Each structure stands twice: as structure tokens, then as C-alpha cells.
C-alpha atoms as a PDB file:
ATOM      1  CA  MET A   1     102.323  91.601 104.159  1.00  0.00           C
ATOM      2  CA  ARG A   2     105.345  93.211 105.217  1.00  0.00           C
ATOM      3  CA  VAL A   3     106.785  96.291 103.108  1.00  0.00           C
ATOM      4  CA  GLN A   4     110.387  97.603 104.177  1.00  0.00           C
ATOM      5  CA  THR A   5     110.290 101.165 103.356  1.00  0.00           C
ATOM      6  CA  ALA A   6     112.965 103.920 103.840  1.00  0.00           C
ATOM      7  CA  GLU A   7     110.546 105.057 106.837  1.00  0.00           C
ATOM      8  CA  GLY A   8     110.336 101.486 108.181  1.00  0.00           C
ATOM      9  CA  GLU A   9     108.162  98.452 107.991  1.00  0.00           C
ATOM     10  CA  LYS A  10     104.586  98.708 106.985  1.00  0.00           C
ATOM     11  CA  LEU A  11     102.079  96.054 107.560  1.00  0.00           C
ATOM     12  CA  PHE A  12      98.864  95.179 105.113  1.00  0.00           C
ATOM     13  CA  TYR A  13      96.430  92.318 105.000  1.00  0.00           C
ATOM     14  CA  VAL A  14      95.785  91.484 101.441  1.00  0.00           C
ATOM     15  CA  THR A  15      93.450  88.836 100.048  1.00  0.00           C
ATOM     16  CA  GLY A  16      93.859  87.089  96.766  1.00  0.00           C
ATOM     17  CA  GLY A  17      95.648  88.595  93.513  1.00  0.00           C
ATOM     18  CA  VAL A  18      98.984  88.179  92.092  1.00  0.00           C
ATOM     19  CA  LEU A  19     102.565  88.739  93.015  1.00  0.00           C
ATOM     20  CA  GLU A  20     105.186  89.546  90.470  1.00  0.00           C
ATOM     21  CA  ILE A  21     108.895  90.032  91.195  1.00  0.00           C
ATOM     22  CA  GLN A  22     111.401  91.390  88.991  1.00  0.00           C
ATOM     23  CA  PRO A  23     114.973  92.086  89.660  1.00  0.00           C
ATOM     24  CA  HIS A  24     114.186  95.740  90.902  1.00  0.00           C
ATOM     25  CA  VAL A  25     110.445  95.991  91.507  1.00  0.00           C
ATOM     26  CA  VAL A  26     107.960  93.679  93.390  1.00  0.00           C
ATOM     27  CA  THR A  27     104.276  94.130  92.180  1.00  0.00           C
ATOM     28  CA  VAL A  28     101.487  93.081  94.261  1.00  0.00           C
ATOM     29  CA  LEU A  29      97.951  93.152  92.554  1.00  0.00           C
ATOM     30  CA  ALA A  30      95.501  92.179  95.517  1.00  0.00           C
ATOM     31  CA  ASP A  31      91.671  91.492  95.395  1.00  0.00           C
ATOM     32  CA  SER A  32      91.525  93.645  98.519  1.00  0.00           C
ATOM     33  CA  ALA A  33      94.270  95.613 100.931  1.00  0.00           C
ATOM     34  CA  LEU A  34      94.121  97.012 104.036  1.00  0.00           C
ATOM     35  CA  HIS A  35      96.547  98.765 105.946  1.00  0.00           C
ATOM     36  CA  ALA A  36      97.295  97.030 109.351  1.00  0.00           C
ATOM     37  CA  ASP A  37      95.856  99.844 111.114  1.00  0.00           C
ATOM     38  CA  GLN A  38      92.396  99.500 109.361  1.00  0.00           C
ATOM     39  CA  LEU A  39      92.133  96.248 110.960  1.00  0.00           C
ATOM     40  CA  ASP A  40      89.139  95.975 113.436  1.00  0.00           C
ATOM     41  CA  GLU A  41      89.184  92.768 115.584  1.00  0.00           C
ATOM     42  CA  ALA A  42      85.840  93.609 116.826  1.00  0.00           C
ATOM     43  CA  GLU A  43      84.238  94.388 113.406  1.00  0.00           C
ATOM     44  CA  ALA A  44      86.060  91.197 112.203  1.00  0.00           C
ATOM     45  CA  LEU A  45      84.527  89.291 114.798  1.00  0.00           C
ATOM     46  CA  ALA A  46      80.810  90.489 114.415  1.00  0.00           C
ATOM     47  CA  ALA A  47      81.101  89.881 110.320  1.00  0.00           C
ATOM     48  CA  ARG A  48      82.367  86.369 111.307  1.00  0.00           C
ATOM     49  CA  GLU A  49      79.260  85.726 113.514  1.00  0.00           C
ATOM     50  CA  ARG A  50      77.043  87.314 110.618  1.00  0.00           C
ATOM     51  CA  ALA A  51      78.509  84.793 108.281  1.00  0.00           C
ATOM     52  CA  ARG A  52      77.933  81.873 110.676  1.00  0.00           C
ATOM     53  CA  GLU A  53      74.391  82.854 111.009  1.00  0.00           C
ATOM     54  CA  ALA A  54      73.666  83.139 107.475  1.00  0.00           C
ATOM     55  CA  LEU A  55      75.228  79.610 106.989  1.00  0.00           C
ATOM     56  CA  GLU A  56      72.955  78.032 109.473  1.00  0.00           C
ATOM     57  CA  GLY A  57      69.961  79.516 107.947  1.00  0.00           C
ATOM     58  CA  LYS A  58      69.119  82.515 110.498  1.00  0.00           C
ATOM     59  CA  ARG A  59      68.829  84.900 107.815  1.00  0.00           C
ATOM     60  CA  GLY A  60      66.348  84.167 105.279  1.00  0.00           C
ATOM     61  CA  GLU A  61      67.479  83.073 101.790  1.00  0.00           C
ATOM     62  CA  VAL A  62      71.133  82.077 101.873  1.00  0.00           C
ATOM     63  CA  ASP A  63      73.555  81.757  98.957  1.00  0.00           C
ATOM     64  CA  LEU A  64      75.891  78.993 100.330  1.00  0.00           C
ATOM     65  CA  ALA A  65      78.983  79.723  98.390  1.00  0.00           C
ATOM     66  CA  ALA A  66      78.936  83.405  99.170  1.00  0.00           C
ATOM     67  CA  ALA A  67      78.020  82.746 102.891  1.00  0.00           C
ATOM     68  CA  GLN A  68      81.014  80.310 103.181  1.00  0.00           C
ATOM     69  CA  ALA A  69      83.500  82.945 101.403  1.00  0.00           C
ATOM     70  CA  ALA A  70      82.292  85.728 103.818  1.00  0.00           C
ATOM     71  CA  LEU A  71      82.975  83.116 106.782  1.00  0.00           C
ATOM     72  CA  VAL A  72      86.453  82.337 105.503  1.00  0.00           C
ATOM     73  CA  GLU A  73      87.131  86.355 104.640  1.00  0.00           C
ATOM     74  CA  ALA A  74      86.064  87.211 108.204  1.00  0.00           C
ATOM     75  CA  ASP A  75      87.843  84.567 110.005  1.00  0.00           C
ATOM     76  CA  ALA A  76      91.191  85.299 108.260  1.00  0.00           C
ATOM     77  CA  ARG A  77      90.586  89.221 109.001  1.00  0.00           C
ATOM     78  CA  TYR A  78      90.141  88.334 112.702  1.00  0.00           C
ATOM     79  CA  ARG A  79      93.007  86.098 112.842  1.00  0.00           C
ATOM     80  CA  ALA A  80      95.004  88.752 110.994  1.00  0.00           C
ATOM     81  CA  ALA A  81      93.810  91.494 113.494  1.00  0.00           C
ATOM     82  CA  GLN A  82      94.822  89.525 116.285  1.00  0.00           C
ATOM     83  CA  GLN A  83      98.224  88.619 115.183  1.00  0.00           C
ATOM     84  CA  LEU A  84      99.032  92.436 114.398  1.00  0.00           C
ATOM     85  CA  SER A  85      97.643  93.764 117.335  1.00  0.00           C
ATOM     86  CA  GLY A  86     100.705  93.606 119.348  1.00  0.00           C
ATOM     87  CA  LYS A  87     102.944  94.722 116.261  1.00  0.00           C
ATOM     88  CA  ARG A  88     101.144  98.458 115.953  1.00  0.00           C
END
């Protein structure tokens, strides 16, 4: 998400939620949000690998839905970190 302020553009990574647009106000209610500077490509890659291992059954009891959701989230963070790395 890009936010234009008087100080310039600010970038955020957001997941889920609701966007409400009014004539003079935009409201974002996100499930999670990180400032672009908080996205860590290496951590996102590690989280993606942990989620893949969980899906492959390498980590004991696996909640399939939770493991799939974790993989989707980690992959999205990794892609966002890669895209934003040149814009910081």
C-alpha cells in the first residue's frame, strides 16, 4: 500500500482487512501491516522454508490449513520485500 503524505510517499505491506473510501478520508482496517522498512527478505525466506517443511510433514503434527496459510503469507512477504528492496 502506498500512502502519500506531506513528507512524501510511505510504503506498507498489508494483509487482509477492509478499505473504506469516503469523500475526504480513506480508512484501512488491515489484519496485519508492516512499514516497508520492517520487511526482512531473509526472514520471509526462512519463514517460507519453515512453512514448506511443515507441509511436507517434517515437523511432527501438521495443521494443514495453518501450514498452507503460513506458506501463502511468507511467500507474499518475501515477494513484497523483493519488490520494495529497490524502492527504499
